[in-house]
C-alpha atoms as a PDB file:
ATOM      1  CA  MET A   1     199.684 -58.690 -11.374  1.00  0.00           C
ATOM      2  CA  THR A   2     198.191 -60.859  -8.661  1.00  0.00           C
ATOM      3  CA  ASP A   3     196.569 -63.228 -11.145  1.00  0.00           C
ATOM      4  CA  SER A   4     199.793 -63.757 -13.051  1.00  0.00           C
ATOM      5  CA  LEU A   5     201.721 -64.337  -9.820  1.00  0.00           C
ATOM      6  CA  MET A   6     199.113 -66.885  -8.689  1.00  0.00           C
ATOM      7  CA  PHE A   7     199.293 -68.617 -12.071  1.00  0.00           C
ATOM      8  CA  VAL A   8     203.095 -68.831 -11.865  1.00  0.00           C
ATOM      9  CA  MET A   9     202.945 -70.220  -8.324  1.00  0.00           C
ATOM     10  CA  GLN A  10     200.373 -72.831  -9.361  1.00  0.00           C
ATOM     11  CA  ALA A  11     202.478 -73.830 -12.357  1.00  0.00           C
ATOM     12  CA  VAL A  12     205.595 -74.172 -10.193  1.00  0.00           C
ATOM     13  CA  LEU A  13     203.736 -76.269  -7.622  1.00  0.00           C
ATOM     14  CA  LEU A  14     202.270 -78.516 -10.328  1.00  0.00           C
ATOM     15  CA  VAL A  15     205.681 -79.031 -11.926  1.00  0.00           C
ATOM     16  CA  LEU A  16     207.233 -79.767  -8.524  1.00  0.00           C
ATOM     17  CA  GLY A  17     204.489 -82.282  -7.777  1.00  0.00           C
ATOM     18  CA  CYS A  18     205.027 -84.039 -11.091  1.00  0.00           C
ATOM     19  CA  LEU A  19     208.799 -84.090 -10.547  1.00  0.00           C
ATOM     20  CA  PHE A  20     208.335 -85.674  -7.137  1.00  0.00           C
ATOM     21  CA  PHE A  21     206.072 -88.319  -8.671  1.00  0.00           C
ATOM     22  CA  ALA A  22     208.740 -88.992 -11.309  1.00  0.00           C
ATOM     23  CA  VAL A  23     211.462 -89.335  -8.662  1.00  0.00           C
ATOM     24  CA  GLY A  24     209.273 -91.749  -6.687  1.00  0.00           C
ATOM     25  CA  THR A  25     208.700 -93.854  -9.780  1.00  0.00           C
ATOM     26  CA  LEU A  26     212.411 -93.820 -10.533  1.00  0.00           C
ATOM     27  CA  GLY A  27     213.067 -95.027  -6.980  1.00  0.00           C
ATOM     28  CA  LEU A  28     210.601 -97.858  -7.508  1.00  0.00           C
ATOM     29  CA  PHE A  29     212.518 -99.074 -10.539  1.00  0.00           C
ATOM     30  CA  ARG A  30     216.003 -98.266  -9.251  1.00  0.00           C
ATOM     31  CA  PHE A  31     216.057 -99.773  -5.759  1.00  0.00           C
ATOM     32  CA  SER A  32     216.379-103.501  -5.330  1.00  0.00           C
ATOM     33  CA  ASP A  33     215.054-103.993  -1.791  1.00  0.00           C
ATOM     34  CA  THR A  34     211.320-104.003  -1.101  1.00  0.00           C
ATOM     35  CA  LEU A  35     211.604-101.729   1.924  1.00  0.00           C
ATOM     36  CA  THR A  36     213.591 -99.058   0.094  1.00  0.00           C
ATOM     37  CA  ARG A  37     211.115 -99.182  -2.779  1.00  0.00           C
ATOM     38  CA  ILE A  38     208.228 -98.642  -0.370  1.00  0.00           C
ATOM     39  CA  HIS A  39     210.089 -95.792   1.312  1.00  0.00           C
ATOM     40  CA  ALA A  40     210.734 -94.071  -2.010  1.00  0.00           C
ATOM     41  CA  LEU A  41     207.110 -94.344  -3.059  1.00  0.00           C
ATOM     42  CA  THR A  42     205.374 -93.363   0.159  1.00  0.00           C
ATOM     43  CA  LYS A  43     207.518 -90.389   1.089  1.00  0.00           C
ATOM     44  CA  VAL A  44     208.082 -88.809  -2.285  1.00  0.00           C
ATOM     45  CA  ASP A  45     204.653 -89.467  -3.772  1.00  0.00           C
ATOM     46  CA  ASN A  46     202.896 -88.023  -0.735  1.00  0.00           C
ATOM     47  CA  LEU A  47     204.969 -84.870  -1.035  1.00  0.00           C
ATOM     48  CA  GLY A  48     204.240 -84.688  -4.765  1.00  0.00           C
ATOM     49  CA  LEU A  49     200.521 -85.059  -4.102  1.00  0.00           C
ATOM     50  CA  GLY A  50     200.778 -82.309  -1.486  1.00  0.00           C
ATOM     51  CA  PHE A  51     202.313 -79.899  -4.009  1.00  0.00           C
ATOM     52  CA  ILE A  52     199.594 -80.700  -6.535  1.00  0.00           C
ATOM     53  CA  VAL A  53     196.854 -80.217  -3.937  1.00  0.00           C
ATOM     54  CA  LEU A  54     198.364 -76.868  -2.922  1.00  0.00           C
ATOM     55  CA  ALA A  55     198.379 -75.816  -6.568  1.00  0.00           C
ATOM     56  CA  LEU A  56     194.726 -76.806  -6.979  1.00  0.00           C
ATOM     57  CA  LEU A  57     193.389 -75.199  -3.774  1.00  0.00           C
ATOM     58  CA  PRO A  58     193.021 -71.672  -5.222  1.00  0.00           C
ATOM     59  CA  LEU A  59     190.930 -73.145  -8.053  1.00  0.00           C
ATOM     60  CA  ALA A  60     188.400 -74.656  -5.640  1.00  0.00           C
ATOM     61  CA  PRO A  61     184.950 -73.162  -6.277  1.00  0.00           C
ATOM     62  CA  SER A  62     184.172 -72.846  -2.562  1.00  0.00           C
ATOM     63  CA  LEU A  63     185.572 -73.445   0.880  1.00  0.00           C
ATOM     64  CA  ALA A  64     183.808 -76.809   0.961  1.00  0.00           C
ATOM     65  CA  GLY A  65     185.499 -77.791  -2.307  1.00  0.00           C
ATOM     66  CA  GLY A  66     188.897 -76.852  -0.896  1.00  0.00           C
ATOM     67  CA  LEU A  67     188.251 -78.840   2.263  1.00  0.00           C
ATOM     68  CA  LYS A  68     187.219 -81.852   0.191  1.00  0.00           C
ATOM     69  CA  THR A  69     190.494 -81.607  -1.719  1.00  0.00           C
ATOM     70  CA  LEU A  70     192.437 -81.542   1.546  1.00  0.00           C
ATOM     71  CA  LEU A  71     190.379 -84.483   2.819  1.00  0.00           C
ATOM     72  CA  ILE A  72     191.274 -86.481  -0.297  1.00  0.00           C
ATOM     73  CA  TRP A  73     194.946 -85.711   0.346  1.00  0.00           C
ATOM     74  CA  ALA A  74     194.599 -86.831   3.982  1.00  0.00           C
ATOM     75  CA  ALA A  75     192.910 -90.059   2.887  1.00  0.00           C
ATOM     76  CA  ALA A  76     195.706 -90.723   0.396  1.00  0.00           C
ATOM     77  CA  LEU A  77     198.295 -90.119   3.135  1.00  0.00           C
ATOM     78  CA  ALA A  78     196.550 -92.557   5.465  1.00  0.00           C
ATOM     79  CA  ALA A  79     196.131 -95.191   2.761  1.00  0.00           C
ATOM     80  CA  SER A  80     199.750 -94.878   1.709  1.00  0.00           C
ATOM     81  CA  ALA A  81     201.066 -95.209   5.247  1.00  0.00           C
ATOM     82  CA  THR A  82     198.785 -98.157   5.994  1.00  0.00           C
ATOM     83  CA  SER A  83     199.660-100.067   2.843  1.00  0.00           C
ATOM     84  CA  ALA A  84     203.386 -99.409   3.330  1.00  0.00           C
ATOM     85  CA  HIS A  85     203.153-100.713   6.888  1.00  0.00           C
ATOM     86  CA  LEU A  86     201.325-103.855   5.775  1.00  0.00           C
ATOM     87  CA  ILE A  87     203.849-104.570   3.014  1.00  0.00           C
ATOM     88  CA  ALA A  88     206.815-103.969   5.339  1.00  0.00           C
ATOM     89  CA  ARG A  89     205.283-106.260   7.938  1.00  0.00           C
ATOM     90  CA  ALA A  90     204.736-108.967   5.344  1.00  0.00           C
ATOM     91  CA  VAL A  91     208.383-108.700   4.297  1.00  0.00           C
ATOM     92  CA  HIS A  92     209.542-109.228   7.880  1.00  0.00           C
ATOM     93  CA  VAL A  93     207.134-112.092   8.574  1.00  0.00           C
ATOM     94  CA  ARG A  94     207.845-114.186   5.487  1.00  0.00           C
ATOM     95  CA  PRO A  95     210.501-116.894   5.760  1.00  0.00           C
ATOM     96  CA  GLU A  96     213.897-116.341   4.222  1.00  0.00           C
ATOM     97  CA  PRO A  97     214.181-117.530   0.605  1.00  0.00           C
ATOM     98  CA  PRO A  98     216.359-120.599   0.054  1.00  0.00           C
ATOM     99  CA  GLU A  99     219.973-120.025  -0.881  1.00  0.00           C
ATOM    100  CA  THR A 100     220.714-120.323  -4.577  1.00  0.00           C
ATOM    101  CA  GLY A 101     224.390-121.258  -4.171  1.00  0.00           C
ATOM    102  CA  GLU A 102     225.859-124.745  -4.342  1.00  0.00           C
ATOM    103  CA  ALA A 103     224.486-127.083  -1.720  1.00  0.00           C
ATOM    104  CA  ASP A 104     226.358-129.969  -0.138  1.00  0.00           C
ATOM    105  CA  HIS A 105     224.869-133.279  -1.219  1.00  0.00           C
ATOM    106  CA  ASP A 106     226.665-135.567   1.242  1.00  0.00           C
END
């Protein structure tokens, strides 16, 4: 009974994680602004990775293996936040693109 319940919970968490990854990818393709694309990827993908890590924790061979899995998740969270911050800062620092409308040639 306990094994089947654990298997069902792991399957649900894995499916949820994959769905969150799919929604994040859809947001990347759907949104037009760079900042909204970054927001969709960092928030949703980190949550998806968290669900997958939670599903994999009971399969860890030891406590050290489980802690390593959590450490990988923490490193991915830090890398995602750092890269999103750097991209957002680059968007705000760059000069505005030239207008593509008709220009006065007087």
